[in-house]
N, C-alpha and C. Protein backbone atom coordinates (compact mmCIF):
# COMPACT_ATOMS: atom_id res chain seq x y z
N MET A 1 7.16 18.11 3.48
CA MET A 1 5.88 17.77 2.89
C MET A 1 6.06 16.61 1.90
N HIS A 2 5.24 15.59 2.04
CA HIS A 2 5.31 14.43 1.16
C HIS A 2 4.37 14.65 -0.02
N SER A 3 4.73 14.13 -1.15
CA SER A 3 3.81 14.21 -2.29
C SER A 3 3.29 12.82 -2.66
N GLN A 4 3.56 11.85 -1.81
CA GLN A 4 3.09 10.50 -2.08
C GLN A 4 1.58 10.41 -1.89
N HIS A 5 0.95 9.68 -2.78
CA HIS A 5 -0.49 9.44 -2.68
C HIS A 5 -0.68 7.99 -2.23
N ILE A 6 -1.27 7.85 -1.05
CA ILE A 6 -1.42 6.54 -0.41
C ILE A 6 -2.90 6.15 -0.42
N LEU A 7 -3.19 4.91 -0.76
CA LEU A 7 -4.54 4.36 -0.63
C LEU A 7 -4.53 3.38 0.54
N ILE A 8 -5.40 3.63 1.51
CA ILE A 8 -5.55 2.72 2.64
C ILE A 8 -6.79 1.87 2.38
N VAL A 9 -6.61 0.57 2.36
CA VAL A 9 -7.72 -0.37 2.18
C VAL A 9 -7.88 -1.11 3.50
N GLU A 10 -8.92 -0.76 4.22
CA GLU A 10 -9.08 -1.25 5.59
C GLU A 10 -10.56 -1.26 5.96
N ASP A 11 -11.07 -2.41 6.40
CA ASP A 11 -12.48 -2.50 6.78
C ASP A 11 -12.70 -2.20 8.26
N TRP A 12 -11.64 -2.15 9.03
CA TRP A 12 -11.74 -1.87 10.46
C TRP A 12 -11.66 -0.35 10.63
N GLU A 13 -12.78 0.27 10.97
CA GLU A 13 -12.91 1.72 10.96
C GLU A 13 -11.88 2.43 11.85
N SER A 14 -11.63 1.90 13.04
CA SER A 14 -10.68 2.57 13.94
C SER A 14 -9.26 2.54 13.37
N GLN A 15 -8.88 1.44 12.73
CA GLN A 15 -7.55 1.35 12.12
C GLN A 15 -7.45 2.32 10.94
N LEU A 16 -8.49 2.39 10.13
CA LEU A 16 -8.52 3.32 9.00
C LEU A 16 -8.38 4.75 9.50
N PHE A 17 -9.14 5.10 10.51
CA PHE A 17 -9.11 6.44 11.08
C PHE A 17 -7.71 6.79 11.59
N LEU A 18 -7.10 5.86 12.31
CA LEU A 18 -5.76 6.07 12.86
C LEU A 18 -4.73 6.28 11.75
N LEU A 19 -4.69 5.37 10.79
CA LEU A 19 -3.70 5.46 9.71
C LEU A 19 -3.91 6.70 8.86
N LYS A 20 -5.16 6.96 8.50
CA LYS A 20 -5.46 8.10 7.64
C LYS A 20 -5.08 9.41 8.34
N GLY A 21 -5.50 9.57 9.59
CA GLY A 21 -5.17 10.79 10.32
C GLY A 21 -3.67 10.99 10.46
N PHE A 22 -2.96 9.93 10.80
CA PHE A 22 -1.51 10.02 10.95
C PHE A 22 -0.83 10.42 9.64
N LEU A 23 -1.20 9.75 8.55
CA LEU A 23 -0.56 10.04 7.27
C LEU A 23 -0.87 11.45 6.77
N ILE A 24 -2.10 11.91 6.98
CA ILE A 24 -2.45 13.28 6.58
C ILE A 24 -1.63 14.28 7.40
N ARG A 25 -1.51 14.04 8.70
CA ARG A 25 -0.70 14.94 9.54
C ARG A 25 0.77 14.95 9.10
N GLU A 26 1.22 13.83 8.54
CA GLU A 26 2.60 13.75 8.06
C GLU A 26 2.76 14.33 6.65
N GLY A 27 1.67 14.79 6.05
CA GLY A 27 1.74 15.46 4.76
C GLY A 27 1.46 14.60 3.55
N PHE A 28 1.01 13.38 3.75
CA PHE A 28 0.68 12.50 2.62
C PHE A 28 -0.71 12.82 2.08
N LEU A 29 -0.92 12.56 0.81
CA LEU A 29 -2.25 12.58 0.23
C LEU A 29 -2.83 11.19 0.46
N VAL A 30 -4.05 11.10 0.97
CA VAL A 30 -4.58 9.81 1.38
C VAL A 30 -5.97 9.57 0.80
N GLY A 31 -6.13 8.40 0.19
CA GLY A 31 -7.44 7.91 -0.23
C GLY A 31 -7.80 6.73 0.64
N GLU A 32 -9.05 6.34 0.62
CA GLU A 32 -9.47 5.21 1.44
C GLU A 32 -10.47 4.34 0.71
N ALA A 33 -10.45 3.07 1.06
CA ALA A 33 -11.41 2.10 0.56
C ALA A 33 -11.68 1.13 1.71
N GLU A 34 -12.94 0.75 1.87
CA GLU A 34 -13.26 -0.14 2.99
C GLU A 34 -13.34 -1.60 2.60
N ASN A 35 -13.17 -1.89 1.29
CA ASN A 35 -13.16 -3.28 0.87
C ASN A 35 -12.38 -3.42 -0.44
N GLY A 36 -12.18 -4.66 -0.85
CA GLY A 36 -11.38 -4.92 -2.03
C GLY A 36 -11.96 -4.36 -3.32
N LEU A 37 -13.25 -4.46 -3.50
CA LEU A 37 -13.88 -3.95 -4.72
C LEU A 37 -13.68 -2.44 -4.82
N GLN A 38 -13.89 -1.72 -3.73
CA GLN A 38 -13.65 -0.27 -3.74
C GLN A 38 -12.19 0.03 -4.06
N ALA A 39 -11.28 -0.76 -3.52
CA ALA A 39 -9.86 -0.54 -3.78
C ALA A 39 -9.54 -0.68 -5.26
N ILE A 40 -10.07 -1.71 -5.88
CA ILE A 40 -9.83 -1.94 -7.30
C ILE A 40 -10.40 -0.79 -8.12
N GLN A 41 -11.59 -0.32 -7.76
CA GLN A 41 -12.19 0.83 -8.45
C GLN A 41 -11.32 2.08 -8.29
N CYS A 42 -10.81 2.31 -7.08
CA CYS A 42 -9.94 3.47 -6.83
C CYS A 42 -8.68 3.41 -7.69
N VAL A 43 -8.04 2.25 -7.73
CA VAL A 43 -6.81 2.10 -8.50
C VAL A 43 -7.07 2.25 -9.99
N SER A 44 -8.26 1.85 -10.44
CA SER A 44 -8.63 1.99 -11.85
C SER A 44 -8.81 3.45 -12.26
N LYS A 45 -9.20 4.28 -11.29
CA LYS A 45 -9.53 5.67 -11.60
C LYS A 45 -8.46 6.69 -11.21
N THR A 46 -7.62 6.35 -10.23
CA THR A 46 -6.71 7.33 -9.64
C THR A 46 -5.32 6.74 -9.51
N HIS A 47 -4.31 7.59 -9.68
CA HIS A 47 -2.92 7.15 -9.46
C HIS A 47 -2.60 7.17 -7.97
N PHE A 48 -2.06 6.09 -7.48
CA PHE A 48 -1.55 6.01 -6.12
C PHE A 48 -0.10 5.54 -6.20
N ASP A 49 0.70 6.00 -5.25
CA ASP A 49 2.09 5.55 -5.18
C ASP A 49 2.19 4.25 -4.39
N THR A 50 1.39 4.16 -3.33
CA THR A 50 1.46 3.01 -2.44
C THR A 50 0.07 2.66 -1.94
N ILE A 51 -0.16 1.37 -1.77
CA ILE A 51 -1.41 0.90 -1.17
C ILE A 51 -1.07 0.17 0.12
N LEU A 52 -1.75 0.57 1.18
CA LEU A 52 -1.69 -0.16 2.44
C LEU A 52 -2.94 -1.03 2.46
N LEU A 53 -2.76 -2.32 2.30
CA LEU A 53 -3.84 -3.25 2.01
C LEU A 53 -4.05 -4.25 3.13
N ASP A 54 -5.22 -4.19 3.75
CA ASP A 54 -5.57 -5.15 4.80
C ASP A 54 -5.64 -6.55 4.20
N TYR A 55 -5.15 -7.51 4.92
CA TYR A 55 -5.14 -8.90 4.44
C TYR A 55 -6.52 -9.54 4.54
N LYS A 56 -7.17 -9.36 5.68
CA LYS A 56 -8.43 -10.06 5.92
C LYS A 56 -9.59 -9.06 5.90
N MET A 57 -10.42 -9.19 4.85
CA MET A 57 -11.58 -8.32 4.68
C MET A 57 -12.75 -9.17 4.21
N PRO A 58 -13.95 -8.71 4.45
CA PRO A 58 -15.10 -9.44 3.90
C PRO A 58 -15.08 -9.39 2.37
N GLY A 59 -15.59 -10.41 1.74
CA GLY A 59 -15.57 -10.46 0.28
C GLY A 59 -14.22 -10.94 -0.20
N MET A 60 -13.45 -10.06 -0.81
CA MET A 60 -12.13 -10.39 -1.32
C MET A 60 -11.08 -10.22 -0.23
N ASP A 61 -10.19 -11.19 -0.10
CA ASP A 61 -9.09 -10.98 0.84
C ASP A 61 -7.99 -10.16 0.16
N GLY A 62 -7.00 -9.76 0.95
CA GLY A 62 -5.95 -8.90 0.44
C GLY A 62 -5.18 -9.49 -0.73
N LEU A 63 -4.97 -10.80 -0.73
CA LEU A 63 -4.21 -11.40 -1.84
C LEU A 63 -5.01 -11.38 -3.14
N ALA A 64 -6.33 -11.55 -3.06
CA ALA A 64 -7.16 -11.45 -4.27
C ALA A 64 -7.14 -10.02 -4.80
N VAL A 65 -7.19 -9.06 -3.90
CA VAL A 65 -7.13 -7.65 -4.30
C VAL A 65 -5.76 -7.36 -4.91
N LEU A 66 -4.71 -7.88 -4.31
CA LEU A 66 -3.37 -7.69 -4.83
C LEU A 66 -3.26 -8.21 -6.27
N ARG A 67 -3.81 -9.39 -6.52
CA ARG A 67 -3.79 -9.96 -7.89
C ARG A 67 -4.49 -9.02 -8.87
N ALA A 68 -5.65 -8.51 -8.48
CA ALA A 68 -6.41 -7.62 -9.36
C ALA A 68 -5.65 -6.30 -9.59
N ILE A 69 -5.05 -5.78 -8.55
CA ILE A 69 -4.30 -4.52 -8.67
C ILE A 69 -3.09 -4.71 -9.58
N ARG A 70 -2.42 -5.84 -9.48
CA ARG A 70 -1.26 -6.12 -10.33
C ARG A 70 -1.63 -6.09 -11.81
N LYS A 71 -2.87 -6.50 -12.15
CA LYS A 71 -3.32 -6.46 -13.55
C LYS A 71 -3.52 -5.02 -14.02
N ILE A 72 -3.90 -4.14 -13.11
CA ILE A 72 -4.13 -2.74 -13.45
C ILE A 72 -2.82 -1.97 -13.49
N ASP A 73 -1.98 -2.16 -12.49
CA ASP A 73 -0.72 -1.42 -12.38
C ASP A 73 0.34 -2.32 -11.76
N PRO A 74 1.11 -3.02 -12.57
CA PRO A 74 2.10 -3.96 -12.05
C PRO A 74 3.20 -3.32 -11.19
N ALA A 75 3.43 -2.02 -11.35
CA ALA A 75 4.52 -1.36 -10.63
C ALA A 75 4.07 -0.72 -9.32
N LEU A 76 2.79 -0.75 -9.02
CA LEU A 76 2.27 -0.11 -7.80
C LEU A 76 2.80 -0.82 -6.56
N ASP A 77 3.31 -0.03 -5.62
CA ASP A 77 3.83 -0.60 -4.38
C ASP A 77 2.68 -0.94 -3.44
N VAL A 78 2.66 -2.18 -2.97
CA VAL A 78 1.60 -2.65 -2.08
C VAL A 78 2.23 -3.20 -0.81
N VAL A 79 1.69 -2.73 0.32
CA VAL A 79 2.11 -3.22 1.62
C VAL A 79 0.89 -3.91 2.25
N ILE A 80 1.02 -5.19 2.54
CA ILE A 80 -0.06 -5.94 3.18
C ILE A 80 0.03 -5.71 4.68
N ILE A 81 -1.13 -5.45 5.29
CA ILE A 81 -1.21 -5.24 6.73
C ILE A 81 -2.19 -6.24 7.31
N SER A 82 -1.80 -6.92 8.38
CA SER A 82 -2.68 -7.94 8.95
C SER A 82 -2.55 -8.04 10.45
N ALA A 83 -3.68 -8.28 11.10
CA ALA A 83 -3.67 -8.58 12.53
C ALA A 83 -3.34 -10.04 12.76
N TYR A 84 -3.34 -10.82 11.69
CA TYR A 84 -3.12 -12.26 11.78
C TYR A 84 -1.80 -12.63 11.12
N GLY A 85 -0.75 -11.90 11.50
CA GLY A 85 0.53 -12.06 10.86
C GLY A 85 1.21 -13.39 11.17
N THR A 86 1.60 -14.06 10.13
CA THR A 86 2.43 -15.26 10.25
C THR A 86 3.53 -15.17 9.21
N ILE A 87 4.57 -15.91 9.43
CA ILE A 87 5.67 -15.91 8.45
C ILE A 87 5.16 -16.44 7.11
N GLU A 88 4.30 -17.46 7.16
CA GLU A 88 3.78 -18.05 5.93
C GLU A 88 2.99 -17.02 5.12
N ARG A 89 2.13 -16.25 5.81
CA ARG A 89 1.34 -15.22 5.10
C ARG A 89 2.24 -14.14 4.53
N ALA A 90 3.24 -13.74 5.28
CA ALA A 90 4.16 -12.72 4.80
C ALA A 90 4.89 -13.20 3.54
N VAL A 91 5.37 -14.43 3.59
CA VAL A 91 6.08 -14.99 2.43
C VAL A 91 5.14 -15.07 1.23
N GLU A 92 3.91 -15.56 1.45
CA GLU A 92 2.95 -15.66 0.35
C GLU A 92 2.65 -14.29 -0.25
N ALA A 93 2.46 -13.29 0.59
CA ALA A 93 2.17 -11.94 0.10
C ALA A 93 3.32 -11.41 -0.74
N MET A 94 4.54 -11.61 -0.27
CA MET A 94 5.70 -11.14 -1.01
C MET A 94 5.88 -11.90 -2.32
N GLU A 95 5.61 -13.20 -2.31
CA GLU A 95 5.70 -13.99 -3.54
C GLU A 95 4.68 -13.52 -4.57
N ARG A 96 3.55 -13.03 -4.11
CA ARG A 96 2.50 -12.57 -5.03
C ARG A 96 2.66 -11.11 -5.42
N GLY A 97 3.72 -10.48 -4.96
CA GLY A 97 4.02 -9.13 -5.45
C GLY A 97 3.90 -8.01 -4.45
N ALA A 98 3.61 -8.30 -3.19
CA ALA A 98 3.61 -7.23 -2.19
C ALA A 98 5.05 -6.81 -1.93
N TYR A 99 5.26 -5.54 -1.67
CA TYR A 99 6.60 -5.06 -1.36
C TYR A 99 6.98 -5.43 0.07
N SER A 100 6.00 -5.35 0.97
CA SER A 100 6.28 -5.61 2.37
C SER A 100 5.01 -6.11 3.06
N TYR A 101 5.18 -6.52 4.30
CA TYR A 101 4.10 -7.07 5.11
C TYR A 101 4.28 -6.53 6.52
N MET A 102 3.22 -5.93 7.07
CA MET A 102 3.28 -5.38 8.43
C MET A 102 2.16 -5.98 9.25
N THR A 103 2.41 -6.12 10.55
CA THR A 103 1.37 -6.63 11.43
C THR A 103 0.71 -5.47 12.18
N LYS A 104 -0.55 -5.69 12.54
CA LYS A 104 -1.30 -4.73 13.35
C LYS A 104 -1.06 -5.03 14.81
N PRO A 105 -1.06 -4.06 15.65
CA PRO A 105 -1.19 -2.65 15.31
C PRO A 105 0.07 -2.16 14.59
N VAL A 106 -0.13 -1.33 13.59
CA VAL A 106 0.97 -0.84 12.77
C VAL A 106 1.82 0.11 13.60
N ASP A 107 3.12 -0.14 13.61
CA ASP A 107 4.06 0.78 14.24
C ASP A 107 4.23 1.96 13.28
N LEU A 108 3.82 3.14 13.70
CA LEU A 108 3.78 4.30 12.81
C LEU A 108 5.17 4.77 12.39
N ASP A 109 6.15 4.65 13.27
CA ASP A 109 7.52 5.02 12.89
C ASP A 109 8.06 4.07 11.82
N THR A 110 7.77 2.79 11.98
CA THR A 110 8.18 1.80 10.98
C THR A 110 7.50 2.07 9.65
N LEU A 111 6.21 2.43 9.70
CA LEU A 111 5.47 2.75 8.48
C LEU A 111 6.11 3.94 7.77
N LEU A 112 6.45 5.00 8.50
CA LEU A 112 7.09 6.16 7.87
C LEU A 112 8.41 5.78 7.22
N THR A 113 9.19 4.96 7.89
CA THR A 113 10.47 4.50 7.34
C THR A 113 10.22 3.72 6.04
N LEU A 114 9.24 2.84 6.06
CA LEU A 114 8.91 2.05 4.88
C LEU A 114 8.45 2.94 3.73
N LEU A 115 7.60 3.90 4.00
CA LEU A 115 7.12 4.81 2.95
C LEU A 115 8.25 5.64 2.38
N ASP A 116 9.21 6.02 3.22
CA ASP A 116 10.39 6.75 2.75
C ASP A 116 11.22 5.86 1.82
N GLN A 117 11.39 4.60 2.20
CA GLN A 117 12.13 3.65 1.35
C GLN A 117 11.45 3.49 -0.01
N LEU A 118 10.13 3.39 0.02
CA LEU A 118 9.39 3.23 -1.23
C LEU A 118 9.51 4.47 -2.11
N SER A 119 9.48 5.63 -1.50
CA SER A 119 9.63 6.88 -2.25
C SER A 119 10.99 6.93 -2.94
N LYS A 120 12.04 6.60 -2.21
CA LYS A 120 13.40 6.59 -2.78
C LYS A 120 13.51 5.54 -3.88
N ARG A 121 12.86 4.42 -3.70
CA ARG A 121 12.88 3.35 -4.71
C ARG A 121 12.20 3.82 -6.00
N ARG A 122 11.07 4.53 -5.86
CA ARG A 122 10.38 5.07 -7.04
C ARG A 122 11.25 6.08 -7.78
N VAL A 123 11.94 6.94 -7.02
CA VAL A 123 12.83 7.92 -7.64
C VAL A 123 13.93 7.22 -8.43
N ARG A 124 14.52 6.19 -7.84
CA ARG A 124 15.57 5.43 -8.55
C ARG A 124 15.03 4.78 -9.82
N ARG A 125 13.82 4.22 -9.74
CA ARG A 125 13.23 3.59 -10.93
C ARG A 125 12.97 4.62 -12.01
N THR A 126 12.47 5.79 -11.61
CA THR A 126 12.18 6.86 -12.57
C THR A 126 13.46 7.37 -13.20
N GLN A 127 14.50 7.56 -12.41
CA GLN A 127 15.78 8.03 -12.93
C GLN A 127 16.39 6.99 -13.87
N GLY A 128 16.14 5.73 -13.60
CA GLY A 128 16.66 4.67 -14.45
C GLY A 128 16.01 4.65 -15.82
N ARG A 129 14.79 5.21 -15.93
CA ARG A 129 14.11 5.25 -17.22
C ARG A 129 14.39 6.54 -17.98
N SER A 130 14.97 7.54 -17.33
CA SER A 130 15.24 8.82 -17.99
C SER A 130 16.38 8.66 -18.98
N PRO A 131 16.30 9.40 -20.10
CA PRO A 131 17.42 9.35 -21.03
C PRO A 131 18.67 9.92 -20.38
N LYS A 132 19.79 9.30 -20.68
CA LYS A 132 21.05 9.73 -20.07
C LYS A 132 21.68 10.80 -20.93
N ALA A 133 22.34 11.73 -20.25
CA ALA A 133 23.05 12.79 -20.96
C ALA A 133 24.27 12.20 -21.65
N PRO A 134 24.66 12.78 -22.80
CA PRO A 134 25.84 12.26 -23.51
C PRO A 134 27.11 12.49 -22.77
């Protein structure tokens, strides 16, 4: 059972349904937002461990949402997901603070591996901040 809380930001309903259903079946806690403004509101009100953030959405694109989220929680892990994947977009997303970049359709096994890596990374960061025993 996973205790990670994931926010999926996706305007494409079928993709949202697929990702949300899969992650819930895998034991994750899942929130959803269909656009960037909703995502920012969710992050302002609720703790999430990871955000799966669509790159291309009406209104704010994923990079604008990423900038806003970084102001709220600089340590939040963000994975950009796009059907329009290019090396340039991936590099730009990573330079702006995304942890990773995935193309659609999302390979679910790869996503699980990535979420496991992020969980272990969070544990290491948390342990690094704990006071050390004498």
